[in-house]
N, C-alpha and C. Protein backbone atom coordinates (compact mmCIF):
# COMPACT_ATOMS: atom_id res chain seq x y z
N MET A 1 136.08 2.73 -88.12
CA MET A 1 137.37 3.33 -86.15
C MET A 1 138.04 4.10 -87.23
N GLN A 2 138.83 4.58 -86.27
CA GLN A 2 139.47 5.14 -86.64
C GLN A 2 140.85 4.79 -85.33
N ILE A 3 142.28 4.49 -85.70
CA ILE A 3 143.11 4.64 -84.64
C ILE A 3 144.09 5.64 -84.72
N PHE A 4 144.56 5.99 -83.59
CA PHE A 4 145.50 7.27 -83.91
C PHE A 4 146.58 7.04 -82.70
N TYR A 5 147.73 6.58 -83.57
CA TYR A 5 148.83 6.34 -82.83
C TYR A 5 150.21 6.94 -82.97
N PHE A 6 151.02 7.51 -81.85
CA PHE A 6 151.37 8.27 -81.65
C PHE A 6 152.77 7.44 -81.24
N GLY A 7 154.11 7.18 -81.82
CA GLY A 7 154.87 6.36 -81.75
C GLY A 7 155.52 7.19 -80.17
N GLY A 8 156.72 6.76 -79.92
CA GLY A 8 157.53 7.60 -78.34
C GLY A 8 159.00 7.89 -78.99
N TYR A 9 160.09 7.60 -78.23
CA TYR A 9 161.16 8.76 -78.57
C TYR A 9 161.76 7.22 -80.02
N GLN A 10 162.29 8.67 -81.18
CA GLN A 10 162.75 7.87 -81.96
C GLN A 10 161.95 6.73 -82.66
N ALA A 11 160.86 7.36 -82.51
CA ALA A 11 159.98 6.44 -83.57
C ALA A 11 159.70 7.09 -85.47
N ASP A 12 160.43 6.79 -86.20
CA ASP A 12 160.21 7.20 -86.89
C ASP A 12 158.45 7.14 -88.22
N SER A 13 158.73 7.75 -89.49
CA SER A 13 156.94 7.32 -90.29
C SER A 13 157.26 5.92 -90.76
N GLY A 14 158.42 6.04 -90.97
CA GLY A 14 158.67 4.08 -91.24
C GLY A 14 158.15 3.27 -90.14
N ASP A 15 158.52 3.69 -88.87
CA ASP A 15 158.10 2.83 -87.94
C ASP A 15 156.62 3.02 -87.56
N THR A 16 155.88 4.07 -87.44
CA THR A 16 154.76 4.38 -87.41
C THR A 16 153.62 4.07 -88.60
N THR A 17 154.12 4.47 -89.52
CA THR A 17 153.32 3.34 -90.63
C THR A 17 153.42 2.46 -90.70
N MET A 18 154.30 1.50 -90.36
CA MET A 18 154.14 -0.25 -90.54
C MET A 18 153.29 -0.50 -89.24
N TRP A 19 153.32 -0.03 -88.20
CA TRP A 19 152.06 -0.04 -87.13
C TRP A 19 150.86 -0.25 -87.44
N ALA A 20 150.72 0.51 -88.21
CA ALA A 20 149.57 1.22 -88.29
C ALA A 20 148.88 0.28 -89.80
N THR A 21 149.67 0.08 -90.73
CA THR A 21 149.73 -0.74 -91.63
C THR A 21 149.68 -1.87 -91.24
N THR A 22 149.95 -2.48 -90.55
CA THR A 22 149.92 -4.25 -89.68
C THR A 22 148.19 -4.14 -88.62
N VAL A 23 148.22 -2.95 -88.48
CA VAL A 23 146.38 -3.03 -87.38
C VAL A 23 145.32 -2.92 -88.91
N GLU A 24 145.92 -2.14 -89.87
CA GLU A 24 144.55 -2.22 -91.06
C GLU A 24 144.43 -4.05 -91.38
N ARG A 25 145.93 -4.49 -91.52
CA ARG A 25 145.47 -6.04 -92.31
C ARG A 25 145.36 -6.84 -91.26
N LYS A 26 145.20 -6.30 -89.98
CA LYS A 26 144.69 -7.41 -89.12
C LYS A 26 143.40 -7.43 -89.04
N VAL A 27 142.73 -5.71 -88.55
CA VAL A 27 141.35 -5.60 -88.35
C VAL A 27 140.27 -4.72 -89.64
N LYS A 28 139.30 -5.67 -90.12
CA LYS A 28 138.59 -5.40 -90.96
C LYS A 28 138.04 -3.70 -91.06
N GLY A 29 138.01 -3.28 -91.99
CA GLY A 29 137.07 -1.67 -91.17
C GLY A 29 137.99 -0.84 -90.61
N VAL A 30 139.24 -1.22 -90.44
CA VAL A 30 139.48 0.04 -89.41
C VAL A 30 140.85 1.17 -90.13
N ARG A 31 140.95 2.33 -89.95
CA ARG A 31 141.45 2.98 -90.61
C ARG A 31 142.35 4.01 -89.58
N ALA A 32 143.82 2.95 -89.63
CA ALA A 32 145.19 3.70 -88.99
C ALA A 32 145.72 4.58 -88.68
N TYR A 33 146.14 5.36 -88.16
CA TYR A 33 147.20 6.49 -88.18
C TYR A 33 148.33 6.33 -87.51
N GLY A 34 149.23 6.78 -88.18
CA GLY A 34 150.95 6.57 -87.61
C GLY A 34 151.21 7.75 -87.73
N PHE A 35 151.65 8.17 -86.36
CA PHE A 35 152.79 9.66 -86.14
C PHE A 35 153.89 9.44 -85.68
N PRO A 36 154.95 9.91 -86.11
CA PRO A 36 156.34 9.52 -86.09
C PRO A 36 156.30 10.91 -84.26
N TYR A 37 157.30 10.50 -83.24
CA TYR A 37 158.47 10.69 -82.54
C TYR A 37 158.51 12.29 -83.37
N PRO A 38 158.18 13.50 -82.56
CA PRO A 38 158.70 15.09 -83.62
C PRO A 38 160.28 15.06 -83.81
N LEU A 39 160.62 15.11 -84.44
CA LEU A 39 162.22 15.19 -84.40
C LEU A 39 162.95 16.55 -83.83
N GLN A 40 163.90 16.67 -83.27
CA GLN A 40 164.89 16.69 -82.41
C GLN A 40 163.82 17.44 -81.32
N THR A 41 163.58 16.39 -80.49
CA THR A 41 162.92 16.45 -79.25
C THR A 41 163.30 15.39 -78.56
N THR A 42 163.49 15.76 -77.16
CA THR A 42 163.72 14.87 -76.24
C THR A 42 163.03 13.48 -75.83
N SER A 43 163.50 13.23 -75.61
CA SER A 43 162.10 11.71 -74.59
C SER A 43 161.59 12.86 -73.22
N SER A 44 162.15 13.70 -72.71
CA SER A 44 161.51 14.13 -71.61
C SER A 44 160.15 15.10 -72.24
N SER A 45 160.35 15.84 -73.14
CA SER A 45 159.60 17.53 -73.60
C SER A 45 159.05 17.07 -75.44
N PRO A 46 158.06 15.75 -75.40
CA PRO A 46 157.53 15.47 -76.69
C PRO A 46 156.77 16.69 -76.77
N LEU A 47 156.30 17.58 -76.89
CA LEU A 47 155.35 18.63 -76.86
C LEU A 47 156.22 19.53 -77.50
N MET A 48 157.50 19.84 -77.24
CA MET A 48 158.24 20.90 -77.58
C MET A 48 158.05 21.01 -78.72
N ASN A 49 158.24 20.23 -80.00
CA ASN A 49 157.67 20.94 -81.36
C ASN A 49 157.00 19.68 -81.75
N TRP A 50 155.69 19.55 -81.24
CA TRP A 50 154.96 19.01 -81.47
C TRP A 50 153.55 20.38 -81.30
N ASN A 51 152.42 20.73 -82.22
CA ASN A 51 152.08 21.74 -82.70
C ASN A 51 150.30 21.88 -83.84
N LEU A 52 150.23 20.41 -83.55
CA LEU A 52 149.08 19.66 -84.55
C LEU A 52 148.33 19.15 -83.68
N SER A 53 148.11 18.84 -82.60
CA SER A 53 146.66 18.38 -81.67
C SER A 53 145.28 18.65 -82.36
N PRO A 54 145.61 20.34 -81.87
CA PRO A 54 144.25 20.90 -82.70
C PRO A 54 143.84 20.34 -83.93
N THR A 55 144.64 20.34 -84.79
CA THR A 55 144.74 19.55 -86.06
C THR A 55 143.77 18.01 -86.41
N VAL A 56 145.04 17.23 -85.55
CA VAL A 56 144.53 15.68 -85.03
C VAL A 56 143.59 15.45 -84.47
N ALA A 57 143.29 16.24 -83.67
CA ALA A 57 141.56 16.30 -83.20
C ALA A 57 140.63 16.84 -83.83
N SER A 58 140.68 17.35 -85.14
CA SER A 58 139.19 17.37 -85.50
C SER A 58 139.08 16.27 -86.70
N MET A 59 139.74 15.51 -86.42
CA MET A 59 139.66 13.92 -87.77
C MET A 59 139.11 12.83 -86.42
N VAL A 60 139.37 13.30 -84.80
CA VAL A 60 138.68 12.15 -84.67
C VAL A 60 137.35 12.00 -84.20
N THR A 61 136.36 11.15 -84.72
CA THR A 61 135.38 11.26 -83.93
C THR A 61 135.07 10.05 -82.93
N ASP A 62 133.82 9.67 -82.74
CA ASP A 62 133.17 9.59 -81.62
C ASP A 62 133.59 7.58 -81.91
N GLY A 63 133.51 6.92 -81.14
CA GLY A 63 134.02 5.66 -81.10
C GLY A 63 135.65 5.33 -81.85
N ASP A 64 136.69 6.53 -81.92
CA ASP A 64 138.04 5.97 -82.27
C ASP A 64 139.00 6.11 -81.37
N ILE A 65 140.28 5.68 -81.38
CA ILE A 65 140.69 5.32 -80.58
C ILE A 65 142.17 6.59 -80.80
N ILE A 66 142.59 6.50 -79.66
CA ILE A 66 143.63 7.27 -79.36
C ILE A 66 145.07 6.73 -78.67
N VAL A 67 146.17 5.88 -79.09
CA VAL A 67 146.74 5.96 -78.68
C VAL A 67 148.14 6.24 -78.26
N GLY A 68 149.00 5.57 -77.26
CA GLY A 68 150.64 6.94 -77.44
C GLY A 68 151.54 5.77 -76.77
N HIS A 69 152.63 5.69 -77.10
CA HIS A 69 153.21 3.88 -76.43
C HIS A 69 154.55 4.95 -76.55
N SER A 70 155.31 5.26 -74.86
CA SER A 70 156.18 5.88 -74.46
C SER A 70 156.04 6.75 -74.26
N SER A 71 156.86 8.29 -75.28
CA SER A 71 157.28 9.50 -74.25
C SER A 71 155.79 10.41 -75.68
N GLY A 72 155.83 9.21 -76.75
CA GLY A 72 154.10 9.63 -77.39
C GLY A 72 152.62 9.77 -76.95
N CYS A 73 152.82 9.30 -75.16
CA CYS A 73 151.96 9.14 -74.90
C CYS A 73 151.56 11.23 -74.45
N ALA A 74 152.39 11.49 -74.03
CA ALA A 74 152.37 13.12 -74.06
C ALA A 74 151.56 13.67 -75.17
N ILE A 75 152.10 13.21 -76.03
CA ILE A 75 151.18 13.43 -77.70
C ILE A 75 149.74 13.38 -77.26
N SER A 76 149.62 11.63 -77.90
CA SER A 76 148.24 11.53 -77.51
C SER A 76 147.70 12.15 -76.17
N ASN A 77 148.06 12.21 -74.85
CA ASN A 77 147.00 13.02 -73.76
C ASN A 77 146.97 14.47 -74.63
N ASP A 78 147.47 14.47 -74.85
CA ASP A 78 147.37 16.24 -75.73
C ASP A 78 145.99 15.94 -76.94
N VAL A 79 146.46 15.44 -78.22
CA VAL A 79 145.35 14.98 -78.78
C VAL A 79 144.36 14.58 -78.13
N ALA A 80 144.30 13.63 -77.04
CA ALA A 80 142.92 13.85 -76.56
C ALA A 80 141.96 14.63 -76.00
N GLN A 81 142.67 15.67 -75.31
CA GLN A 81 143.04 16.53 -74.13
C GLN A 81 141.96 17.88 -75.60
N SER A 82 142.38 17.79 -76.60
CA SER A 82 141.66 18.49 -77.97
C SER A 82 140.76 18.05 -78.04
N SER A 83 140.66 16.75 -78.32
CA SER A 83 139.23 16.04 -78.85
C SER A 83 138.19 16.33 -77.53
N LEU A 84 138.59 16.08 -76.30
CA LEU A 84 137.71 15.98 -75.58
C LEU A 84 136.66 17.29 -75.63
N LEU A 85 137.67 18.35 -75.70
CA LEU A 85 137.01 19.88 -76.12
C LEU A 85 136.19 20.15 -76.83
N ARG A 86 136.18 19.33 -78.02
CA ARG A 86 135.30 18.70 -79.22
C ARG A 86 134.24 18.11 -79.03
N GLY A 87 134.06 17.30 -77.60
CA GLY A 87 132.96 16.43 -77.06
C GLY A 87 132.56 15.64 -77.73
N VAL A 88 134.42 14.81 -78.50
CA VAL A 88 134.28 13.91 -78.98
C VAL A 88 134.04 12.67 -78.42
N LYS A 89 133.69 11.70 -78.11
CA LYS A 89 133.94 10.37 -76.91
C LYS A 89 134.59 9.29 -77.93
N PHE A 90 136.08 8.94 -77.15
CA PHE A 90 137.17 8.26 -77.75
C PHE A 90 137.27 7.27 -76.87
N LYS A 91 138.52 6.37 -77.36
CA LYS A 91 138.93 5.57 -76.21
C LYS A 91 140.51 6.40 -76.20
N LEU A 92 141.08 6.42 -74.70
CA LEU A 92 142.63 6.90 -75.25
C LEU A 92 143.32 5.62 -74.40
N ILE A 93 144.64 5.36 -75.15
CA ILE A 93 145.79 4.24 -74.46
C ILE A 93 146.49 4.22 -74.34
N ALA A 94 147.20 4.54 -72.84
CA ALA A 94 148.79 5.05 -72.63
C ALA A 94 149.23 3.48 -72.31
N LEU A 95 150.51 3.57 -73.33
CA LEU A 95 151.65 2.40 -73.49
C LEU A 95 152.86 2.74 -72.72
N ASP A 96 152.77 2.22 -71.34
CA ASP A 96 154.21 2.55 -71.00
C ASP A 96 154.73 4.15 -70.94
N GLY A 97 153.85 4.86 -70.75
CA GLY A 97 153.95 6.20 -71.27
C GLY A 97 153.69 7.71 -70.24
N PHE A 98 153.77 8.59 -70.45
CA PHE A 98 153.28 9.63 -69.70
C PHE A 98 151.55 9.34 -69.25
N CYS A 99 151.54 9.50 -68.00
CA CYS A 99 150.01 9.14 -67.75
C CYS A 99 149.27 10.06 -68.33
N PRO A 100 148.07 9.99 -67.92
CA PRO A 100 147.08 10.64 -68.92
C PRO A 100 146.71 11.89 -67.54
N SER A 101 146.19 12.93 -67.71
CA SER A 101 146.06 14.49 -66.64
C SER A 101 144.56 13.63 -65.50
N PRO A 102 144.56 14.07 -64.81
CA PRO A 102 143.22 13.46 -63.94
C PRO A 102 142.11 13.76 -64.43
N SER A 103 141.94 14.41 -65.73
CA SER A 103 140.32 14.89 -66.18
C SER A 103 140.21 13.47 -66.87
N LEU A 104 141.19 13.14 -67.60
CA LEU A 104 141.39 12.00 -68.96
C LEU A 104 141.39 10.76 -68.05
N LEU A 105 141.66 10.97 -67.41
CA LEU A 105 141.78 9.22 -66.31
C LEU A 105 140.55 9.20 -66.25
N LYS A 106 139.73 10.11 -65.69
CA LYS A 106 138.20 9.85 -65.12
C LYS A 106 137.63 9.44 -66.50
N LEU A 107 137.47 10.04 -67.57
CA LEU A 107 136.65 9.43 -68.76
C LEU A 107 136.71 7.74 -68.40
N PRO A 108 135.80 7.38 -69.09
CA PRO A 108 135.71 5.54 -68.86
C PRO A 108 135.60 4.87 -70.07
N ASP A 109 136.62 5.40 -71.44
CA ASP A 109 137.06 4.41 -71.87
C ASP A 109 138.77 5.14 -72.26
N THR A 110 139.59 5.47 -70.99
CA THR A 110 140.81 5.61 -70.50
C THR A 110 141.22 4.40 -70.36
N GLU A 111 142.24 4.11 -70.53
CA GLU A 111 143.32 2.91 -70.26
C GLU A 111 144.63 3.24 -70.04
N VAL A 112 145.62 2.56 -69.12
CA VAL A 112 147.12 2.84 -69.22
C VAL A 112 147.32 1.36 -68.89
N TRP A 113 148.80 0.84 -69.95
CA TRP A 113 149.28 -0.14 -70.03
C TRP A 113 150.59 -0.19 -69.09
N GLY A 114 151.46 -1.44 -68.62
CA GLY A 114 152.41 -1.33 -68.49
C GLY A 114 152.49 -3.13 -68.75
N ALA A 115 154.06 -3.35 -69.25
CA ALA A 115 154.14 -4.96 -69.04
C ALA A 115 155.20 -5.68 -68.10
N GLU A 116 154.99 -7.15 -68.36
CA GLU A 116 154.92 -8.04 -67.09
C GLU A 116 155.62 -9.23 -67.75
N CYS A 117 156.70 -9.99 -67.24
CA CYS A 117 157.50 -10.69 -67.31
C CYS A 117 157.65 -11.60 -66.12
N GLY A 118 156.62 -12.59 -65.84
CA GLY A 118 157.80 -13.31 -64.57
C GLY A 118 158.46 -12.66 -63.32
N GLY A 119 157.64 -11.29 -63.02
CA GLY A 119 158.19 -10.79 -62.32
C GLY A 119 158.85 -9.46 -62.65
N VAL A 120 159.62 -9.07 -63.83
CA VAL A 120 159.99 -8.44 -64.17
C VAL A 120 159.46 -7.08 -64.93
N LYS A 121 158.99 -5.71 -65.10
CA LYS A 121 157.98 -4.75 -64.71
C LYS A 121 159.06 -3.89 -65.68
N SER A 122 157.70 -3.55 -66.66
CA SER A 122 157.92 -3.08 -67.66
C SER A 122 159.08 -1.05 -67.33
N ARG A 123 159.54 0.07 -67.83
CA ARG A 123 160.03 0.68 -67.56
C ARG A 123 159.33 2.16 -66.74
N ASN A 124 157.90 1.76 -67.22
CA ASN A 124 157.21 3.11 -66.56
C ASN A 124 156.42 2.40 -65.49
N TYR A 125 155.82 0.64 -65.39
CA TYR A 125 155.05 0.09 -64.60
C TYR A 125 154.52 1.26 -63.49
N GLU A 126 155.67 1.37 -62.53
CA GLU A 126 154.95 1.45 -60.81
C GLU A 126 154.87 2.48 -61.02
N SER A 127 155.76 3.55 -61.51
CA SER A 127 154.90 5.02 -61.78
C SER A 127 153.67 5.53 -62.13
N LEU A 128 153.25 4.28 -63.84
CA LEU A 128 152.19 4.50 -64.26
C LEU A 128 151.04 3.86 -63.25
N LYS A 129 151.01 3.07 -62.32
CA LYS A 129 150.09 1.80 -61.74
C LYS A 129 149.68 3.34 -60.42
N ALA A 130 150.76 3.62 -59.60
CA ALA A 130 150.49 4.45 -58.74
C ALA A 130 149.54 5.70 -59.26
N LYS A 131 149.96 6.14 -60.09
CA LYS A 131 148.99 7.53 -60.71
C LYS A 131 147.84 7.16 -61.63
N ALA A 132 147.51 6.00 -61.72
CA ALA A 132 146.34 5.57 -63.09
C ALA A 132 145.63 4.98 -62.00
N GLY A 133 145.76 4.67 -61.13
CA GLY A 133 145.17 3.46 -60.45
C GLY A 133 144.20 2.68 -60.81
N ALA A 134 142.95 2.63 -60.67
CA ALA A 134 141.80 1.56 -61.38
C ALA A 134 142.23 1.71 -62.55
N LYS A 135 142.34 2.59 -63.55
CA LYS A 135 142.64 2.24 -65.18
C LYS A 135 143.67 1.52 -65.51
N PHE A 136 144.49 1.40 -64.76
CA PHE A 136 145.97 0.78 -64.60
C PHE A 136 145.61 -0.84 -65.08
N LYS A 137 146.49 -1.16 -65.90
CA LYS A 137 146.57 -2.87 -66.94
C LYS A 137 147.77 -4.00 -67.01
N VAL A 138 147.35 -4.55 -67.03
CA VAL A 138 149.21 -5.60 -67.10
C VAL A 138 148.93 -6.31 -68.93
N TYR A 139 149.72 -5.75 -69.21
CA TYR A 139 150.04 -6.71 -70.65
C TYR A 139 151.01 -7.80 -70.07
N GLU A 140 150.57 -9.34 -70.12
CA GLU A 140 151.78 -10.34 -69.30
C GLU A 140 152.55 -10.32 -70.88
N ALA A 141 153.68 -10.02 -70.96
CA ALA A 141 154.05 -10.15 -71.88
C ALA A 141 154.75 -11.55 -72.15
N ALA A 142 156.52 -11.59 -73.26
CA ALA A 142 156.93 -13.36 -72.98
C ALA A 142 158.79 -13.23 -73.39
N VAL A 143 158.73 -11.22 -72.93
CA VAL A 143 159.94 -11.37 -73.09
C VAL A 143 160.34 -10.08 -71.14
N ILE A 144 161.32 -10.39 -71.33
CA ILE A 144 162.11 -9.67 -69.31
C ILE A 144 162.97 -8.57 -69.68
N LYS A 145 163.62 -8.75 -71.20
CA LYS A 145 164.34 -7.17 -71.01
C LYS A 145 164.67 -6.02 -71.17
N ALA A 146 164.57 -4.82 -70.51
CA ALA A 146 164.39 -3.37 -70.43
C ALA A 146 163.39 -2.98 -71.63
N TRP A 147 164.20 -2.97 -73.10
CA TRP A 147 163.87 -2.86 -74.08
C TRP A 147 162.40 -3.66 -74.59
N PRO A 148 162.87 -4.72 -75.07
CA PRO A 148 161.86 -5.53 -75.39
C PRO A 148 160.56 -5.55 -74.31
N LEU A 149 160.61 -5.50 -73.44
CA LEU A 149 159.05 -5.41 -72.45
C LEU A 149 158.99 -4.19 -72.69
N HIS A 150 158.91 -2.93 -73.34
CA HIS A 150 158.69 -1.46 -73.28
C HIS A 150 157.93 -1.95 -74.73
N PHE A 151 158.37 -2.62 -75.43
CA PHE A 151 157.89 -2.29 -76.51
C PHE A 151 156.39 -3.68 -77.03
N SER A 152 156.84 -4.50 -75.78
CA SER A 152 155.69 -5.51 -76.12
C SER A 152 154.35 -5.46 -76.49
N MET A 153 154.06 -3.98 -75.76
CA MET A 153 152.99 -3.60 -76.21
C MET A 153 152.39 -3.24 -77.56
N VAL A 154 153.40 -2.83 -78.40
CA VAL A 154 153.49 -2.51 -79.46
C VAL A 154 153.80 -3.68 -80.27
N ASN A 155 154.15 -4.36 -80.56
CA ASN A 155 154.70 -4.99 -80.99
C ASN A 155 155.26 -6.74 -80.81
N LEU A 156 154.03 -7.88 -81.47
CA LEU A 156 153.92 -9.12 -80.67
C LEU A 156 155.31 -9.79 -81.03
N ASN A 157 156.21 -9.42 -82.03
CA ASN A 157 157.27 -9.79 -82.55
C ASN A 157 158.65 -9.64 -82.37
N VAL A 158 158.70 -8.67 -80.22
CA VAL A 158 160.00 -8.53 -79.77
C VAL A 158 160.34 -9.46 -79.37
N SER A 159 162.25 -9.66 -79.49
CA SER A 159 162.47 -10.38 -78.63
C SER A 159 163.65 -10.15 -78.05
N ASP A 160 164.10 -10.63 -76.46
CA ASP A 160 164.67 -10.16 -75.66
C ASP A 160 166.36 -9.96 -76.80
N ASP A 161 166.23 -10.67 -77.74
CA ASP A 161 167.84 -10.39 -77.99
C ASP A 161 168.10 -8.72 -78.75
N TRP A 162 166.32 -7.87 -78.61
CA TRP A 162 166.81 -6.90 -79.13
C TRP A 162 167.04 -6.29 -77.62
N ALA A 163 168.16 -5.20 -77.43
CA ALA A 163 168.71 -4.92 -76.95
C ALA A 163 168.36 -2.98 -77.18
N ARG A 164 168.04 -2.95 -78.18
CA ARG A 164 168.21 -0.98 -78.26
C ARG A 164 166.51 -0.78 -78.95
N ILE A 165 166.52 0.62 -78.00
CA ILE A 165 165.36 1.46 -78.44
C ILE A 165 165.12 1.36 -79.97
N THR A 166 166.33 1.49 -81.28
CA THR A 166 166.01 0.80 -82.16
C THR A 166 165.00 0.01 -83.09
N ASP A 167 164.94 -1.05 -81.94
CA ASP A 167 164.78 -2.41 -82.74
C ASP A 167 163.45 -2.30 -81.97
N GLY A 168 162.96 -1.57 -81.41
CA GLY A 168 161.36 -1.61 -80.82
C GLY A 168 160.19 -2.19 -82.33
N TYR A 169 160.52 -1.68 -83.27
CA TYR A 169 159.40 -1.69 -84.17
C TYR A 169 159.73 -2.83 -85.00
N HIS A 170 161.16 -3.71 -85.57
CA HIS A 170 161.81 -5.10 -86.07
C HIS A 170 160.76 -6.06 -85.73
N LYS A 171 160.86 -6.22 -87.75
CA LYS A 171 159.74 -6.97 -87.96
C LYS A 171 158.16 -7.03 -87.40
N ILE A 172 157.54 -6.01 -86.98
CA ILE A 172 156.17 -5.23 -86.70
C ILE A 172 155.28 -6.21 -86.91
N ASP A 173 154.18 -6.20 -85.63
CA ASP A 173 153.34 -7.08 -85.53
C ASP A 173 152.43 -6.32 -84.96
N ALA A 174 151.82 -5.67 -85.05
CA ALA A 174 150.74 -4.76 -83.77
C ALA A 174 149.99 -5.70 -82.96
N ASN A 175 150.63 -5.23 -81.58
CA ASN A 175 149.78 -5.89 -80.96
C ASN A 175 148.06 -5.20 -80.19
N LEU A 176 147.27 -6.14 -80.29
CA LEU A 176 145.81 -5.41 -80.81
C LEU A 176 145.41 -5.90 -79.19
N GLU A 177 145.92 -6.92 -78.33
CA GLU A 177 145.46 -7.23 -76.77
C GLU A 177 145.17 -5.92 -76.58
N VAL A 178 145.87 -5.05 -76.60
CA VAL A 178 146.13 -3.54 -76.14
C VAL A 178 145.21 -2.53 -75.86
N LEU A 179 144.77 -3.04 -77.66
CA LEU A 179 143.58 -1.83 -77.47
C LEU A 179 142.18 -2.25 -78.25
N GLY A 180 142.34 -3.72 -77.33
CA GLY A 180 140.37 -4.26 -76.91
C GLY A 180 140.33 -4.65 -78.60
N LEU A 181 140.91 -4.94 -79.85
CA LEU A 181 140.53 -5.53 -80.56
C LEU A 181 141.26 -6.87 -80.96
N GLU A 182 140.63 -7.61 -82.05
CA GLU A 182 141.02 -8.71 -82.32
C GLU A 182 141.07 -8.91 -83.33
N VAL A 183 141.90 -9.84 -84.16
CA VAL A 183 142.02 -9.85 -86.02
C VAL A 183 140.42 -10.68 -86.37
N THR A 184 140.77 -9.94 -87.30
CA THR A 184 138.75 -9.75 -88.26
C THR A 184 139.19 -10.42 -89.51
N THR A 185 140.72 -10.50 -90.09
CA THR A 185 140.59 -10.16 -91.19
C THR A 185 141.37 -11.48 -91.41
N GLU A 186 141.73 -12.24 -92.87
CA GLU A 186 142.63 -13.38 -92.90
C GLU A 186 144.09 -12.80 -93.69
N MET A 187 145.25 -12.77 -93.18
CA MET A 187 146.38 -12.25 -92.93
C MET A 187 146.93 -13.25 -94.34
N ALA A 188 148.01 -12.69 -94.84
CA ALA A 188 148.60 -13.08 -96.19
C ALA A 188 149.20 -13.79 -95.84
């Protein structure tokens, strides 16, 4: 199985590579690819400097996972749409970002996640819940501040002490729960 991960606004190649590496260390037989957020691209226009969806989609095979976080969801949704045109059966996961299109939401293996802790909800929780309907899932986080809650679906080590967007990948330990995976290897 392959996992194609698209980081959100300001996620650089180091961030997404570390995320992919932790997934591969935790799950035997998985190959994970991390894609940084396009340089010189705003959080509201993720596709502005991205033109690789057909190329990435050509790598996606049946049973693979396409996952995006935050603004990176717009890119993962675009890759998923290109993969769908190829007839590939994949799992699409949107983590607190741009909601998949109605055609992608109709696919059996599409999930949309928001996080919550003690009644505090992640940044895009309410809008995603309204748009995604039955495809919406809730990750029960252990943090309540805005950025940590937003990153809790990506990084199990997230802390309420981290107040900036750039802290989200600090001490990365990829969250497998939102991927529907479990640890299958001995972690060193």
